[in-house]
Amino acid sequence: MHAKDILIDAYNRIQEEVHATVEGLDPDGLNARPESDANSIAWLVWHLTRIQDDHVADASGLDQVWLSQGWEKRFGLDLPARDTGYGHTAAQVAKVRVPSGDLLTGYYDAVHEQTLGYLRGLTAKDYERIVDEGWDPPVSLGVRLVSVLSDDLEHIGQAAYVRGLLQSA
């Protein structure tokens, strides 16, 4: 098994969890926050998707799906166009509201497709390429792709937990 096959499998699992977490929730459930300073399912899924979109696009030289496919306009958020949610305050989190789960999963699926298309074309040597020199040590493509996976898994786990809290209330 090649590294890209492992990464493709892992990213496919995130997609499955995004759909499982969002499925069947109405706007109230998607946008509910367990506490005033907590994140909603909508914010968590939007954020993990924005991070994947931003980081993979940057590493691959592709355009962000958020901008190139018009998702920014479809969401209509009162946030800067390139905002990914990183470092959001409670007030900024409150601005990420969605009218349906289809909007979240549609955007995630579009990012997922671009991610998989990029991963399928990678060779073993590609993972060594430095994609971010702003860190010590500099970040290779392989490390960046695993970092995005880690962030996505953390946030989809949080979203699933929020769903459980809401359903038990």
Protein backbone atom coordinates (compact mmCIF):
# COMPACT_ATOMS: atom_id res chain seq x y z
CA MET A 1 0.00 0.00 0.00
CA HIS A 2 1.33 3.43 -0.94
CA ALA A 3 1.19 6.52 1.27
CA LYS A 4 -1.37 8.13 -1.04
CA ASP A 5 -3.67 5.11 -0.62
CA ILE A 6 -3.50 5.48 3.15
CA LEU A 7 -4.20 9.20 2.92
CA ILE A 8 -7.11 8.65 0.52
CA ASP A 9 -8.59 6.10 2.92
CA ALA A 10 -8.20 8.49 5.85
CA TYR A 11 -9.77 11.43 4.00
CA ASN A 12 -12.64 9.15 2.90
CA ARG A 13 -13.28 8.34 6.56
CA ILE A 14 -13.54 12.03 7.37
CA GLN A 15 -16.11 12.43 4.60
CA GLU A 16 -18.14 9.54 6.05
CA GLU A 17 -18.07 11.13 9.50
CA VAL A 18 -19.04 14.56 8.17
CA HIS A 19 -22.11 13.06 6.53
CA ALA A 20 -22.99 10.92 9.57
CA THR A 21 -22.71 13.89 11.92
CA VAL A 22 -24.76 16.30 9.80
CA GLU A 23 -27.37 13.85 8.49
CA GLY A 24 -30.92 14.46 9.67
CA LEU A 25 -30.21 17.64 11.61
CA ASP A 26 -32.39 20.67 11.03
CA PRO A 27 -30.99 24.23 11.07
CA ASP A 28 -31.64 24.53 14.82
CA GLY A 29 -29.55 21.44 15.53
CA LEU A 30 -26.77 22.43 13.15
CA ASN A 31 -26.49 25.95 14.55
CA ALA A 32 -27.04 25.17 18.25
CA ARG A 33 -24.19 25.87 20.64
CA PRO A 34 -24.12 23.92 23.91
CA GLU A 35 -22.81 27.05 25.66
CA SER A 36 -22.47 30.65 24.49
CA ASP A 37 -18.73 30.27 23.93
CA ALA A 38 -18.91 26.75 22.42
CA ASN A 39 -18.78 25.81 18.75
CA SER A 40 -21.81 24.61 16.81
CA ILE A 41 -21.83 21.62 14.49
CA ALA A 42 -22.19 24.07 11.60
CA TRP A 43 -19.09 25.99 12.67
CA LEU A 44 -17.03 22.85 13.31
CA VAL A 45 -17.82 21.26 9.93
CA TRP A 46 -17.42 24.58 8.10
CA HIS A 47 -14.07 25.18 9.82
CA LEU A 48 -12.62 21.73 9.21
CA THR A 49 -13.64 22.04 5.57
CA ARG A 50 -12.17 25.53 5.26
CA ILE A 51 -8.86 24.33 6.75
CA GLN A 52 -8.71 21.36 4.37
CA ASP A 53 -9.63 23.58 1.42
CA ASP A 54 -7.14 26.32 2.36
CA HIS A 55 -4.19 24.09 3.25
CA VAL A 56 -4.51 21.56 0.43
CA ALA A 57 -5.06 24.32 -2.14
CA ASP A 58 -1.99 26.16 -0.86
CA ALA A 59 0.19 23.03 -0.91
CA SER A 60 -1.03 21.93 -4.34
CA GLY A 61 -1.13 25.29 -6.08
CA LEU A 62 -4.85 24.86 -6.75
CA ASP A 63 -7.57 27.45 -6.13
CA GLN A 64 -9.65 27.16 -3.00
CA VAL A 65 -12.99 25.53 -3.77
CA TRP A 66 -14.58 28.07 -1.38
CA LEU A 67 -13.82 30.87 -3.82
CA SER A 68 -13.49 29.14 -7.21
CA GLN A 69 -16.80 27.27 -7.00
CA GLY A 70 -18.82 30.03 -5.33
CA TRP A 71 -19.28 28.44 -1.91
CA GLU A 72 -18.44 31.72 -0.22
CA LYS A 73 -21.47 33.30 -1.88
CA ARG A 74 -23.73 30.31 -1.15
CA PHE A 75 -22.90 30.47 2.55
CA GLY A 76 -23.22 34.26 2.65
CA LEU A 77 -21.34 34.62 5.92
CA ASP A 78 -20.51 38.00 7.38
CA LEU A 79 -16.80 37.12 7.45
CA PRO A 80 -13.78 37.94 5.26
CA ALA A 81 -13.71 35.89 2.06
CA ARG A 82 -10.60 33.89 3.01
CA ASP A 83 -11.54 33.36 6.66
CA THR A 84 -11.01 29.77 7.81
CA GLY A 85 -12.26 30.14 11.37
CA TYR A 86 -8.79 29.90 12.89
CA GLY A 87 -8.75 31.87 16.15
CA HIS A 88 -12.43 32.80 15.99
CA THR A 89 -14.00 34.52 18.96
CA ALA A 90 -17.42 33.46 20.24
CA ALA A 91 -18.96 36.35 18.28
CA GLN A 92 -17.30 35.18 15.05
CA VAL A 93 -18.40 31.58 15.67
CA ALA A 94 -21.97 32.89 16.00
CA LYS A 95 -21.76 34.29 12.46
CA VAL A 96 -21.39 30.80 10.96
CA ARG A 97 -25.00 29.72 10.57
CA VAL A 98 -26.36 27.45 7.86
CA PRO A 99 -29.88 26.85 6.56
CA SER A 100 -29.28 23.14 5.89
CA GLY A 101 -26.90 20.26 6.26
CA ASP A 102 -26.80 19.95 2.48
CA LEU A 103 -24.88 23.21 2.29
CA LEU A 104 -22.21 21.86 4.67
CA THR A 105 -21.93 18.44 3.07
CA GLY A 106 -22.02 19.92 -0.43
CA TYR A 107 -19.07 22.15 0.34
CA TYR A 108 -17.22 19.35 2.12
CA ASP A 109 -17.80 16.96 -0.80
CA ALA A 110 -16.45 19.52 -3.29
CA VAL A 111 -13.31 20.03 -1.19
CA HIS A 112 -12.99 16.29 -0.69
CA GLU A 113 -13.11 15.69 -4.45
CA GLN A 114 -10.38 18.26 -5.06
CA THR A 115 -8.29 16.76 -2.24
CA LEU A 116 -8.61 13.22 -3.62
CA GLY A 117 -7.79 14.37 -7.13
CA TYR A 118 -4.60 15.93 -5.83
CA LEU A 119 -3.67 12.92 -3.67
CA ARG A 120 -4.14 10.48 -6.55
CA GLY A 121 -1.41 12.25 -8.53
CA LEU A 122 1.25 12.24 -5.81
CA THR A 123 4.45 10.24 -5.95
CA ALA A 124 6.57 9.15 -2.98
CA LYS A 125 9.06 11.96 -3.66
CA ASP A 126 6.30 14.61 -3.53
CA TYR A 127 5.78 14.12 0.22
CA GLU A 128 9.27 15.47 0.92
CA ARG A 129 8.64 18.83 -0.81
CA ILE A 130 8.69 21.75 1.62
CA VAL A 131 5.38 23.62 1.53
CA ASP A 132 5.82 26.00 4.49
CA GLU A 133 9.12 27.48 5.61
CA GLY A 134 7.46 29.47 8.40
CA TRP A 135 8.07 26.66 10.90
CA ASP A 136 11.19 25.14 12.41
CA PRO A 137 11.66 22.62 10.97
CA PRO A 138 10.03 23.60 7.66
CA VAL A 139 6.82 21.69 6.87
CA SER A 140 6.89 19.05 4.15
CA LEU A 141 3.86 18.15 2.06
CA GLY A 142 3.54 14.82 3.88
CA VAL A 143 3.51 16.52 7.27
CA ARG A 144 0.98 19.13 6.06
CA LEU A 145 -1.40 16.48 4.75
CA VAL A 146 -1.24 14.59 8.06
CA SER A 147 -1.70 17.86 9.96
CA VAL A 148 -4.89 18.58 8.00
CA LEU A 149 -6.11 15.05 8.73
CA SER A 150 -5.43 15.51 12.41
CA ASP A 151 -7.29 18.83 12.53
CA ASP A 152 -10.23 17.41 10.57
CA LEU A 153 -10.49 14.36 12.82
CA GLU A 154 -10.37 16.50 15.95
CA HIS A 155 -13.15 18.77 14.75
CA ILE A 156 -15.44 16.08 13.36
CA GLY A 157 -15.10 14.28 16.68
CA GLN A 158 -16.11 17.49 18.46
CA ALA A 159 -19.07 17.91 16.10
CA ALA A 160 -20.21 14.34 16.76
CA TYR A 161 -19.94 14.99 20.49
CA VAL A 162 -22.06 18.15 20.17
CA ARG A 163 -24.64 16.14 18.22
CA GLY A 164 -24.73 13.62 21.06
CA LEU A 165 -25.19 16.38 23.62
CA LEU A 166 -28.05 17.89 21.64
CA GLN A 167 -29.77 14.55 21.14
CA SER A 168 -29.54 13.64 24.83
CA ALA A 169 -30.96 16.98 25.99
